[in-house]
N, C-alpha and C. Protein backbone atom coordinates (compact mmCIF):
# COMPACT_ATOMS: atom_id res chain seq x y z
N MET A 1 12.12 -17.21 5.38
CA MET A 1 10.80 -17.11 5.15
C MET A 1 10.05 -16.62 6.36
N GLU A 2 9.12 -15.60 6.18
CA GLU A 2 8.31 -15.05 7.29
C GLU A 2 6.96 -15.80 7.17
N ILE A 3 6.63 -16.46 8.31
CA ILE A 3 5.30 -17.07 8.41
C ILE A 3 4.59 -16.33 9.63
N ALA A 4 3.44 -15.81 9.36
CA ALA A 4 2.67 -15.13 10.34
C ALA A 4 1.32 -16.02 10.70
N PHE A 5 1.05 -15.97 11.93
CA PHE A 5 0.09 -16.61 12.46
C PHE A 5 -0.70 -15.55 13.25
N LEU A 6 -2.14 -15.24 12.76
CA LEU A 6 -3.03 -14.47 13.33
C LEU A 6 -3.71 -15.04 14.74
N LEU A 7 -3.24 -14.29 15.68
CA LEU A 7 -3.92 -14.67 17.05
C LEU A 7 -5.04 -13.82 17.46
N PHE A 8 -6.01 -14.25 18.18
CA PHE A 8 -6.97 -13.37 18.68
C PHE A 8 -7.82 -13.98 19.70
N ASP A 9 -8.54 -13.27 20.68
CA ASP A 9 -9.32 -13.95 21.53
C ASP A 9 -10.44 -14.78 20.99
N GLY A 10 -10.34 -16.02 21.87
CA GLY A 10 -11.36 -16.92 21.43
C GLY A 10 -10.87 -18.02 20.30
N ILE A 11 -9.41 -17.83 20.29
CA ILE A 11 -8.74 -18.74 19.27
C ILE A 11 -8.78 -20.30 19.79
N THR A 12 -8.91 -21.16 18.87
CA THR A 12 -8.64 -22.66 19.22
C THR A 12 -7.23 -22.85 19.27
N PRO A 13 -6.50 -23.10 20.40
CA PRO A 13 -5.20 -23.11 20.33
C PRO A 13 -4.53 -24.27 19.41
N LEU A 14 -5.03 -25.30 19.34
CA LEU A 14 -4.59 -26.41 18.42
C LEU A 14 -4.27 -26.06 17.02
N ASP A 15 -5.46 -25.18 16.71
CA ASP A 15 -5.35 -24.51 15.14
C ASP A 15 -4.17 -23.62 15.15
N ALA A 16 -3.66 -23.25 15.85
CA ALA A 16 -2.36 -22.44 15.81
C ALA A 16 -0.94 -23.25 16.19
N ILE A 17 -1.07 -24.03 17.20
CA ILE A 17 -0.14 -24.88 17.62
C ILE A 17 0.34 -25.97 16.76
N GLY A 18 -0.83 -26.81 16.24
CA GLY A 18 -0.34 -27.77 15.13
C GLY A 18 0.39 -27.27 13.95
N PRO A 19 -0.18 -26.35 13.43
CA PRO A 19 0.59 -25.64 12.20
C PRO A 19 1.99 -24.90 12.54
N PHE A 20 2.07 -24.59 13.56
CA PHE A 20 3.35 -23.78 14.22
C PHE A 20 4.33 -24.98 14.28
N GLU A 21 3.79 -26.25 15.02
CA GLU A 21 4.84 -27.20 15.23
C GLU A 21 5.38 -27.69 13.80
N VAL A 22 4.66 -27.75 13.11
CA VAL A 22 5.10 -28.17 11.42
C VAL A 22 5.87 -27.24 10.75
N LEU A 23 5.34 -25.97 10.31
CA LEU A 23 5.73 -24.97 9.75
C LEU A 23 7.04 -24.27 10.38
N GLY A 24 6.98 -24.43 11.72
CA GLY A 24 8.25 -23.94 12.37
C GLY A 24 9.89 -24.85 12.03
N LYS A 25 9.19 -26.03 11.51
CA LYS A 25 10.74 -26.79 11.24
C LYS A 25 11.10 -26.44 10.01
N LEU A 26 10.38 -25.78 9.17
CA LEU A 26 10.87 -25.68 7.88
C LEU A 26 12.04 -24.72 7.85
N PRO A 27 13.07 -25.21 6.98
CA PRO A 27 14.23 -24.51 6.87
C PRO A 27 14.15 -23.01 6.53
N GLY A 28 14.73 -22.06 7.29
CA GLY A 28 14.75 -20.74 7.28
C GLY A 28 13.25 -20.17 7.72
N ALA A 29 12.55 -20.87 8.35
CA ALA A 29 11.18 -20.27 8.85
C ALA A 29 11.69 -19.29 10.00
N GLU A 30 10.75 -18.10 9.75
CA GLU A 30 10.70 -16.92 10.96
C GLU A 30 9.48 -16.81 11.19
N ILE A 31 8.86 -17.37 12.49
CA ILE A 31 7.66 -17.29 12.79
C ILE A 31 7.33 -16.03 13.59
N ARG A 32 6.08 -15.55 13.18
CA ARG A 32 5.61 -14.18 13.81
C ARG A 32 4.31 -14.42 14.34
N MET A 33 4.21 -14.47 15.63
CA MET A 33 2.77 -14.47 16.18
C MET A 33 2.16 -13.05 16.26
N VAL A 34 1.08 -12.81 15.57
CA VAL A 34 0.52 -11.51 15.18
C VAL A 34 -0.85 -11.32 15.72
N ALA A 35 -1.19 -10.17 16.36
CA ALA A 35 -2.49 -10.02 16.71
C ALA A 35 -2.69 -8.42 16.52
N LYS A 36 -4.05 -8.15 16.74
CA LYS A 36 -4.40 -6.59 16.49
C LYS A 36 -3.52 -5.67 17.16
N GLU A 37 -3.01 -6.06 18.34
CA GLU A 37 -2.04 -5.47 19.42
C GLU A 37 -1.19 -6.43 19.77
N LYS A 38 -0.03 -6.08 20.09
CA LYS A 38 0.98 -7.01 20.88
C LYS A 38 0.38 -7.43 22.28
N GLY A 39 0.91 -8.53 22.72
CA GLY A 39 0.38 -8.82 24.03
C GLY A 39 -0.54 -10.35 23.94
N GLU A 40 -1.20 -10.57 24.93
CA GLU A 40 -1.83 -11.66 25.36
C GLU A 40 -3.23 -11.66 24.68
N VAL A 41 -3.49 -12.81 24.19
CA VAL A 41 -4.87 -13.37 23.75
C VAL A 41 -5.34 -14.38 24.49
N ARG A 42 -6.49 -14.64 24.73
CA ARG A 42 -6.79 -15.78 25.52
C ARG A 42 -8.12 -16.60 24.58
N THR A 43 -8.09 -17.93 24.96
CA THR A 43 -9.07 -18.81 24.13
C THR A 43 -10.34 -18.56 24.96
N LYS A 44 -11.25 -19.10 24.46
CA LYS A 44 -12.65 -19.19 24.91
C LYS A 44 -12.66 -19.97 26.18
N GLY A 45 -13.16 -19.20 27.26
CA GLY A 45 -13.24 -19.64 28.70
C GLY A 45 -12.11 -19.06 29.31
N GLN A 46 -11.06 -18.25 28.62
CA GLN A 46 -10.24 -17.53 29.24
C GLN A 46 -9.01 -18.46 30.03
N SER A 47 -9.19 -19.78 29.65
CA SER A 47 -8.40 -20.67 30.55
C SER A 47 -6.81 -20.77 30.03
N LEU A 48 -6.52 -20.22 28.80
CA LEU A 48 -5.00 -20.41 28.31
C LEU A 48 -4.86 -19.13 27.53
N ALA A 49 -3.68 -18.48 27.54
CA ALA A 49 -3.20 -17.63 26.88
C ALA A 49 -2.16 -17.89 26.00
N MET A 50 -2.17 -17.00 24.81
CA MET A 50 -1.07 -17.03 23.84
C MET A 50 -0.58 -15.80 23.60
N ILE A 51 0.63 -15.53 23.28
CA ILE A 51 1.15 -14.16 23.30
C ILE A 51 1.73 -13.78 21.88
N ALA A 52 1.14 -12.52 21.36
CA ALA A 52 1.48 -11.99 20.10
C ALA A 52 2.64 -11.16 20.29
N ASP A 53 3.67 -11.63 19.92
CA ASP A 53 4.86 -10.72 19.92
C ASP A 53 4.93 -9.52 18.80
N TYR A 54 4.04 -9.65 17.83
CA TYR A 54 3.93 -8.58 16.86
C TYR A 54 2.50 -8.12 16.81
N ALA A 55 2.32 -6.59 16.60
CA ALA A 55 1.04 -6.08 16.15
C ALA A 55 0.79 -6.29 14.56
N LEU A 56 -0.21 -6.09 14.10
CA LEU A 56 -0.57 -6.19 12.71
C LEU A 56 0.40 -5.32 12.04
N ALA A 57 0.50 -4.13 12.35
CA ALA A 57 1.45 -3.13 11.61
C ALA A 57 2.83 -3.63 11.35
N ASP A 58 3.26 -4.63 12.27
CA ASP A 58 4.80 -5.06 12.44
C ASP A 58 5.02 -5.98 11.23
N VAL A 59 3.89 -6.64 10.87
CA VAL A 59 4.20 -7.71 9.84
C VAL A 59 3.32 -7.43 8.63
N ALA A 60 3.93 -6.81 7.67
CA ALA A 60 3.23 -6.43 6.31
C ALA A 60 3.24 -7.51 5.30
N LYS A 61 4.28 -8.24 5.03
CA LYS A 61 4.23 -8.99 3.78
C LYS A 61 4.79 -10.29 4.31
N PRO A 62 4.01 -11.29 4.98
CA PRO A 62 4.38 -12.45 5.38
C PRO A 62 4.55 -13.46 3.92
N GLU A 63 5.42 -14.43 3.91
CA GLU A 63 5.31 -15.01 2.70
C GLU A 63 4.15 -16.39 2.92
N ILE A 64 3.86 -16.78 4.13
CA ILE A 64 2.96 -17.69 4.49
C ILE A 64 2.09 -16.96 5.66
N LEU A 65 0.64 -17.06 5.49
CA LEU A 65 -0.06 -16.48 6.41
C LEU A 65 -0.99 -17.89 6.90
N VAL A 66 -0.98 -17.78 8.36
CA VAL A 66 -1.85 -19.15 8.96
C VAL A 66 -3.02 -17.96 9.68
N VAL A 67 -4.30 -18.62 9.44
CA VAL A 67 -5.30 -17.98 10.29
C VAL A 67 -6.17 -19.12 10.94
N PRO A 68 -5.65 -19.16 12.37
CA PRO A 68 -6.48 -20.24 12.94
C PRO A 68 -7.89 -19.82 13.30
N GLY A 69 -8.58 -20.87 13.72
CA GLY A 69 -10.03 -20.85 13.93
C GLY A 69 -10.38 -20.76 15.45
N GLY A 70 -11.70 -20.73 15.75
CA GLY A 70 -12.05 -20.76 17.27
C GLY A 70 -13.27 -19.93 17.10
N GLN A 71 -13.98 -19.69 18.38
CA GLN A 71 -15.21 -19.03 18.37
C GLN A 71 -14.99 -17.57 18.11
N GLY A 72 -13.64 -17.12 18.42
CA GLY A 72 -13.48 -15.61 18.37
C GLY A 72 -13.30 -15.36 16.73
N ALA A 73 -13.34 -16.27 15.83
CA ALA A 73 -13.10 -16.00 14.45
C ALA A 73 -14.41 -15.40 14.07
N ASP A 74 -15.58 -15.61 14.54
CA ASP A 74 -16.76 -15.06 14.03
C ASP A 74 -16.71 -13.41 14.13
N ALA A 75 -16.11 -12.94 15.24
CA ALA A 75 -16.00 -11.52 15.58
C ALA A 75 -14.86 -10.88 14.72
N MET A 76 -13.79 -11.75 14.71
CA MET A 76 -12.64 -11.23 13.80
C MET A 76 -13.01 -11.05 12.29
N ALA A 77 -14.03 -11.85 11.76
CA ALA A 77 -14.40 -11.79 10.45
C ALA A 77 -15.08 -10.37 10.20
N GLY A 78 -15.54 -9.71 11.13
CA GLY A 78 -15.95 -8.28 10.88
C GLY A 78 -15.31 -7.26 11.35
N ASP A 79 -14.00 -7.50 11.94
CA ASP A 79 -13.08 -6.63 12.49
C ASP A 79 -12.36 -5.98 11.32
N GLY A 80 -12.74 -4.66 10.99
CA GLY A 80 -12.04 -3.87 9.85
C GLY A 80 -10.46 -3.92 10.07
N ALA A 81 -10.09 -3.69 11.05
CA ALA A 81 -8.60 -3.56 11.33
C ALA A 81 -7.83 -4.87 10.85
N VAL A 82 -8.37 -5.99 11.20
CA VAL A 82 -7.82 -7.34 10.98
C VAL A 82 -8.06 -7.75 9.61
N THR A 83 -9.32 -7.34 8.93
CA THR A 83 -9.67 -7.90 7.60
C THR A 83 -8.94 -7.00 6.61
N ASP A 84 -8.73 -5.75 6.96
CA ASP A 84 -7.89 -5.11 6.07
C ASP A 84 -6.34 -5.35 5.98
N TRP A 85 -5.88 -5.60 7.12
CA TRP A 85 -4.57 -6.06 7.18
C TRP A 85 -4.50 -7.42 6.34
N LEU A 86 -5.24 -8.39 6.55
CA LEU A 86 -5.17 -9.67 6.24
C LEU A 86 -5.38 -9.45 4.60
N SER A 87 -6.29 -8.53 4.11
CA SER A 87 -6.34 -8.42 2.61
C SER A 87 -5.05 -7.93 1.93
N ARG A 88 -4.40 -6.89 2.68
CA ARG A 88 -3.31 -6.46 2.09
C ARG A 88 -2.15 -7.57 2.10
N ALA A 89 -1.90 -8.23 3.21
CA ALA A 89 -0.91 -9.09 3.29
C ALA A 89 -1.06 -10.46 2.20
N HIS A 90 -2.44 -10.79 2.16
CA HIS A 90 -2.75 -11.82 1.05
C HIS A 90 -2.31 -11.38 -0.40
N GLU A 91 -2.18 -10.20 -0.64
CA GLU A 91 -1.73 -9.67 -1.82
C GLU A 91 -0.26 -10.33 -2.30
N THR A 92 0.44 -10.41 -1.30
CA THR A 92 1.85 -10.72 -1.57
C THR A 92 2.34 -12.05 -0.93
N THR A 93 1.34 -12.90 -0.27
CA THR A 93 1.73 -14.09 0.16
C THR A 93 1.95 -15.12 -0.79
N THR A 94 2.66 -15.94 -0.56
CA THR A 94 2.93 -17.21 -1.36
C THR A 94 1.76 -18.17 -1.22
N TRP A 95 1.53 -18.33 0.29
CA TRP A 95 0.33 -19.25 0.53
C TRP A 95 -0.30 -18.52 1.71
N THR A 96 -1.74 -18.37 1.59
CA THR A 96 -2.60 -17.92 2.60
C THR A 96 -3.42 -18.94 2.92
N THR A 97 -3.59 -19.35 4.22
CA THR A 97 -4.17 -20.36 4.66
C THR A 97 -5.03 -20.39 6.06
N SER A 98 -5.97 -21.19 6.13
CA SER A 98 -6.93 -20.94 7.39
C SER A 98 -6.87 -22.66 7.92
N VAL A 99 -7.27 -22.64 9.21
CA VAL A 99 -7.60 -23.78 9.73
C VAL A 99 -9.07 -23.52 10.44
N CYS A 100 -10.11 -24.43 10.03
CA CYS A 100 -11.18 -24.62 10.52
C CYS A 100 -12.01 -22.99 10.22
N THR A 101 -12.68 -22.45 11.34
CA THR A 101 -13.29 -21.23 11.24
C THR A 101 -12.40 -19.99 11.07
N GLY A 102 -11.22 -20.16 10.88
CA GLY A 102 -10.36 -19.02 10.54
C GLY A 102 -10.74 -18.84 9.09
N ALA A 103 -11.26 -19.52 8.33
CA ALA A 103 -11.78 -19.51 6.99
C ALA A 103 -12.74 -18.37 7.06
N LEU A 104 -13.62 -18.10 8.06
CA LEU A 104 -14.40 -16.99 8.21
C LEU A 104 -13.78 -15.64 8.08
N ILE A 105 -12.37 -15.60 8.61
CA ILE A 105 -11.70 -14.16 8.71
C ILE A 105 -11.26 -14.05 7.37
N LEU A 106 -10.89 -15.14 6.64
CA LEU A 106 -10.55 -14.87 5.17
C LEU A 106 -11.62 -14.46 4.59
N GLY A 107 -12.83 -14.99 4.74
CA GLY A 107 -13.94 -14.56 3.96
C GLY A 107 -14.37 -13.21 4.30
N GLY A 108 -14.07 -12.52 5.46
CA GLY A 108 -14.49 -11.36 6.05
C GLY A 108 -13.41 -10.42 5.46
N ALA A 109 -12.16 -10.85 5.06
CA ALA A 109 -11.24 -9.94 4.12
C ALA A 109 -11.53 -10.13 2.72
N GLY A 110 -12.44 -10.92 2.10
CA GLY A 110 -12.71 -10.88 0.78
C GLY A 110 -11.88 -11.71 -0.04
N VAL A 111 -11.07 -12.44 0.66
CA VAL A 111 -10.14 -13.53 0.22
C VAL A 111 -10.59 -14.62 -0.57
N LEU A 112 -11.71 -14.87 0.02
CA LEU A 112 -12.44 -16.04 -0.64
C LEU A 112 -13.37 -16.17 -1.81
N LYS A 113 -13.73 -14.82 -2.10
CA LYS A 113 -15.05 -14.63 -3.32
C LYS A 113 -14.74 -15.51 -4.32
N GLY A 114 -15.63 -16.25 -4.51
CA GLY A 114 -15.40 -17.15 -5.77
C GLY A 114 -14.62 -18.24 -5.79
N LEU A 115 -13.97 -18.43 -4.51
CA LEU A 115 -13.05 -19.79 -4.27
C LEU A 115 -13.69 -20.91 -3.58
N LYS A 116 -13.53 -22.19 -3.84
CA LYS A 116 -13.77 -23.28 -3.05
C LYS A 116 -13.02 -23.09 -1.61
N ALA A 117 -13.76 -23.28 -0.66
CA ALA A 117 -13.04 -23.28 0.55
C ALA A 117 -14.02 -24.11 1.51
N THR A 118 -13.29 -24.54 2.83
CA THR A 118 -14.06 -25.29 3.63
C THR A 118 -13.93 -24.76 5.15
N THR A 119 -14.56 -24.94 5.91
CA THR A 119 -14.50 -24.62 7.45
C THR A 119 -15.34 -25.90 8.32
N HIS A 120 -15.25 -25.35 9.40
CA HIS A 120 -16.30 -26.24 10.54
C HIS A 120 -17.64 -26.15 10.12
N TRP A 121 -18.18 -27.48 10.21
CA TRP A 121 -19.54 -27.62 9.74
C TRP A 121 -20.73 -26.61 10.30
N ARG A 122 -20.27 -25.96 11.47
CA ARG A 122 -21.37 -25.09 11.99
C ARG A 122 -21.25 -23.64 11.39
N ALA A 123 -20.08 -23.41 10.49
CA ALA A 123 -19.91 -22.29 9.73
C ALA A 123 -19.99 -22.29 8.27
N MET A 124 -20.61 -23.30 7.89
CA MET A 124 -20.70 -23.39 6.21
C MET A 124 -21.52 -22.40 5.73
N ASP A 125 -22.58 -22.16 6.32
CA ASP A 125 -23.57 -20.93 5.66
C ASP A 125 -22.82 -19.85 5.88
N ASP A 126 -22.24 -19.50 6.98
CA ASP A 126 -21.56 -18.12 6.93
C ASP A 126 -20.33 -18.05 6.02
N LEU A 127 -19.71 -19.04 5.63
CA LEU A 127 -18.62 -19.07 4.68
C LEU A 127 -19.25 -18.71 3.33
N ALA A 128 -20.25 -19.51 2.92
CA ALA A 128 -20.93 -18.96 1.74
C ALA A 128 -21.62 -17.78 1.57
N ALA A 129 -21.86 -17.21 2.77
CA ALA A 129 -22.37 -15.63 2.56
C ALA A 129 -21.15 -14.66 2.41
N PHE A 130 -20.11 -15.17 2.68
CA PHE A 130 -18.66 -14.20 2.27
C PHE A 130 -18.35 -14.43 0.81
N GLY A 131 -19.31 -15.34 0.08
CA GLY A 131 -19.03 -15.38 -1.33
C GLY A 131 -18.36 -16.69 -1.82
N ALA A 132 -17.83 -17.56 -0.84
CA ALA A 132 -17.16 -18.73 -1.09
C ALA A 132 -18.06 -19.94 -1.58
N GLN A 133 -17.34 -20.69 -2.13
CA GLN A 133 -18.09 -21.88 -2.62
C GLN A 133 -17.67 -22.98 -1.52
N ALA A 134 -18.76 -23.02 -0.44
CA ALA A 134 -18.36 -23.83 0.52
C ALA A 134 -18.54 -25.29 0.18
N THR A 135 -17.59 -26.02 0.66
CA THR A 135 -17.61 -27.60 0.60
C THR A 135 -17.00 -28.30 1.72
N ASP A 136 -17.50 -29.39 1.96
CA ASP A 136 -17.06 -30.22 3.16
C ASP A 136 -15.73 -30.95 2.97
N GLN A 137 -14.91 -30.76 2.08
CA GLN A 137 -13.77 -31.50 1.96
C GLN A 137 -12.78 -31.05 3.00
N ARG A 138 -11.75 -32.00 3.29
CA ARG A 138 -10.92 -31.77 4.27
C ARG A 138 -9.85 -30.58 4.18
N VAL A 139 -9.38 -30.76 3.00
CA VAL A 139 -8.54 -29.65 2.56
C VAL A 139 -8.77 -29.02 1.24
N VAL A 140 -8.86 -27.91 1.04
CA VAL A 140 -9.26 -27.24 -0.27
C VAL A 140 -8.13 -26.45 -0.63
N ARG A 141 -7.55 -26.34 -1.75
CA ARG A 141 -6.57 -25.69 -2.52
C ARG A 141 -7.24 -24.94 -3.74
N ASP A 142 -7.28 -23.63 -3.61
CA ASP A 142 -8.08 -22.82 -4.94
C ASP A 142 -7.20 -21.51 -4.80
N GLY A 143 -6.82 -21.02 -5.93
CA GLY A 143 -6.23 -19.81 -6.12
C GLY A 143 -4.93 -19.75 -5.89
N LYS A 144 -4.14 -19.29 -4.91
CA LYS A 144 -2.70 -19.16 -4.66
C LYS A 144 -1.99 -20.57 -5.00
N VAL A 145 -0.82 -20.42 -5.49
CA VAL A 145 0.00 -21.82 -5.75
C VAL A 145 0.63 -21.91 -4.36
N ILE A 146 0.51 -23.31 -3.91
CA ILE A 146 1.21 -23.63 -2.53
C ILE A 146 2.44 -24.37 -2.92
N ALA A 147 3.48 -23.74 -2.66
CA ALA A 147 4.72 -24.22 -2.64
C ALA A 147 5.19 -24.99 -1.53
N ALA A 148 5.51 -26.28 -1.71
CA ALA A 148 5.94 -27.17 -0.32
C ALA A 148 7.29 -27.22 -0.46
N ALA A 149 7.89 -27.55 0.78
CA ALA A 149 9.22 -27.83 1.17
C ALA A 149 9.74 -29.00 0.37
N GLY A 150 8.99 -29.93 -0.08
CA GLY A 150 9.40 -31.20 -0.59
C GLY A 150 8.99 -32.34 0.30
N GLU A 151 8.89 -33.50 -0.15
CA GLU A 151 8.53 -34.60 0.24
C GLU A 151 9.55 -35.16 1.39
N ASP A 152 10.77 -35.03 1.15
CA ASP A 152 11.81 -35.52 2.23
C ASP A 152 11.66 -34.62 3.53
N ILE A 153 11.44 -33.09 3.34
CA ILE A 153 11.26 -32.44 4.56
C ILE A 153 10.02 -32.76 5.29
N ALA A 154 8.95 -32.87 4.31
CA ALA A 154 7.59 -33.08 5.12
C ALA A 154 7.82 -34.53 5.83
N LYS A 155 8.42 -35.54 5.22
CA LYS A 155 8.57 -36.77 5.95
C LYS A 155 9.42 -36.56 7.30
N ALA A 156 10.38 -35.68 7.27
CA ALA A 156 11.59 -35.55 8.54
C ALA A 156 10.45 -34.84 9.54
N ILE A 157 9.79 -33.75 9.18
CA ILE A 157 8.90 -33.16 10.04
C ILE A 157 7.89 -34.07 10.68
N GLN A 158 7.24 -35.04 9.74
CA GLN A 158 6.37 -35.87 10.36
C GLN A 158 6.97 -36.86 11.51
N LEU A 159 8.03 -37.38 11.26
CA LEU A 159 8.96 -37.96 12.23
C LEU A 159 9.43 -37.35 13.25
N ALA A 160 9.85 -36.13 13.10
CA ALA A 160 10.23 -35.22 14.34
C ALA A 160 9.04 -35.24 15.50
N ILE A 161 7.81 -34.87 14.84
CA ILE A 161 6.70 -34.62 15.82
C ILE A 161 5.90 -35.93 16.20
N GLU A 162 6.54 -36.89 15.61
CA GLU A 162 5.89 -38.35 15.79
C GLU A 162 4.36 -38.25 15.28
N TYR A 163 3.97 -37.99 14.07
CA TYR A 163 2.79 -37.84 13.69
C TYR A 163 2.37 -38.99 12.73
N ALA A 164 1.61 -39.82 13.37
CA ALA A 164 1.41 -41.28 12.82
C ALA A 164 0.13 -41.58 13.32
N PRO A 165 -0.95 -40.90 12.53
CA PRO A 165 -2.40 -41.05 13.15
C PRO A 165 -2.99 -42.49 12.76
N GLU A 166 -3.42 -42.97 13.84
CA GLU A 166 -4.36 -44.17 13.71
C GLU A 166 -5.60 -43.93 14.60
N PRO A 167 -6.54 -43.37 14.17
CA PRO A 167 -7.70 -43.27 14.88
C PRO A 167 -8.51 -44.45 15.16
N PRO A 168 -9.04 -44.40 16.41
CA PRO A 168 -9.71 -45.90 16.78
C PRO A 168 -11.15 -45.74 16.21
N PHE A 169 -11.69 -44.56 16.05
CA PHE A 169 -12.97 -44.41 15.42
C PHE A 169 -13.24 -43.35 14.23
N ASP A 170 -14.35 -43.46 13.47
CA ASP A 170 -14.46 -42.35 12.55
C ASP A 170 -15.60 -41.54 13.09
N ALA A 171 -15.21 -40.62 13.81
CA ALA A 171 -16.51 -39.86 14.36
C ALA A 171 -16.29 -38.28 14.08
N GLY A 172 -15.30 -37.99 13.32
CA GLY A 172 -15.04 -36.51 13.26
C GLY A 172 -15.61 -35.78 11.82
N ARG A 173 -16.61 -36.39 11.21
CA ARG A 173 -17.27 -35.79 10.16
C ARG A 173 -18.67 -35.59 10.50
N TYR A 174 -19.18 -34.32 10.27
CA TYR A 174 -20.60 -34.01 10.43
C TYR A 174 -21.57 -35.01 9.80
N ARG A 175 -21.33 -35.25 8.44
CA ARG A 175 -22.35 -35.91 7.70
C ARG A 175 -22.36 -37.28 8.21
N ASN A 176 -21.40 -37.85 8.83
CA ASN A 176 -21.55 -39.26 9.51
C ASN A 176 -22.11 -39.26 10.91
N ALA A 177 -22.42 -38.19 11.57
CA ALA A 177 -22.80 -38.11 13.09
C ALA A 177 -24.30 -38.23 13.15
N PRO A 178 -24.67 -38.92 14.41
CA PRO A 178 -26.15 -38.97 14.43
C PRO A 178 -26.61 -37.66 15.09
N PRO A 179 -27.96 -37.50 14.86
CA PRO A 179 -28.58 -36.05 15.08
C PRO A 179 -28.15 -35.64 16.60
N ASP A 180 -28.37 -36.57 17.69
CA ASP A 180 -28.34 -36.21 19.09
C ASP A 180 -26.73 -35.72 19.39
N ARG A 181 -25.69 -36.39 18.62
CA ARG A 181 -24.50 -35.92 18.83
C ARG A 181 -23.97 -34.83 18.37
N VAL A 182 -24.52 -34.36 17.07
CA VAL A 182 -24.64 -33.08 16.49
C VAL A 182 -25.25 -31.95 17.44
N GLU A 183 -26.23 -32.17 17.97
CA GLU A 183 -26.85 -31.36 18.84
C GLU A 183 -26.27 -31.10 20.12
N ARG A 184 -25.42 -32.28 20.78
CA ARG A 184 -24.80 -32.12 22.00
C ARG A 184 -23.39 -31.17 21.46
N VAL A 185 -22.88 -31.42 20.43
CA VAL A 185 -21.79 -30.66 19.97
C VAL A 185 -22.01 -29.25 19.89
N ARG A 186 -23.17 -29.02 19.15
CA ARG A 186 -23.58 -27.73 18.69
C ARG A 186 -23.99 -26.74 20.01
N SER A 187 -24.62 -27.54 21.05
CA SER A 187 -25.00 -26.79 22.15
C SER A 187 -23.62 -26.45 22.93
N THR A 188 -22.43 -27.44 22.91
CA THR A 188 -21.33 -26.93 23.54
C THR A 188 -20.77 -25.77 22.92
N LEU A 189 -20.63 -25.77 21.53
CA LEU A 189 -19.97 -24.74 20.89
C LEU A 189 -20.64 -23.21 21.17
N ASN A 190 -21.83 -23.40 21.31
CA ASN A 190 -22.70 -22.22 21.60
C ASN A 190 -22.65 -21.63 22.90
N ARG A 191 -22.19 -22.39 23.86
CA ARG A 191 -21.93 -21.87 25.05
C ARG A 191 -21.09 -20.83 25.33
N PRO A 192 -21.34 -19.70 26.18
CA PRO A 192 -20.44 -18.65 26.48
C PRO A 192 -19.23 -19.02 27.09
């Protein structure tokens, strides 16, 4: 099973590494880190590099496509080489997915027209501009059928990565945050 992760400058590493840690444990998984060109991409601020072992042209028909987010997603949503590749790959995927603002890249590729989709709160209006029905749900499935490996494998992977969330506070949702916190986060996200 070929699983492609789209990498780009300005990526949020957790948006790729989190799904990689889980999907890479699926039986038969063949992970492909893909970028416009093979080589290094960097996070915002240039502090962390990730390596794309494959160029877009090297991975034509992944079964699962993961599009991470990050501030670089805004630019990728308008990059014709990336969006054309994504649109073609989406035609044959079993599952096309995004994390956070990676949805903007799906939107730029035309994948989300008429579908319900979610993204980071700062990008909701942009998502709607791509023709998606923007919603603030945590996870949205619309369109493609998502085939899961099964409950036993999911539970085994959860145990392997020791994922047992017990958050001490409920502070991760835009609608529950006080205005001063929203502005502090917004100003941080908009810094170069």
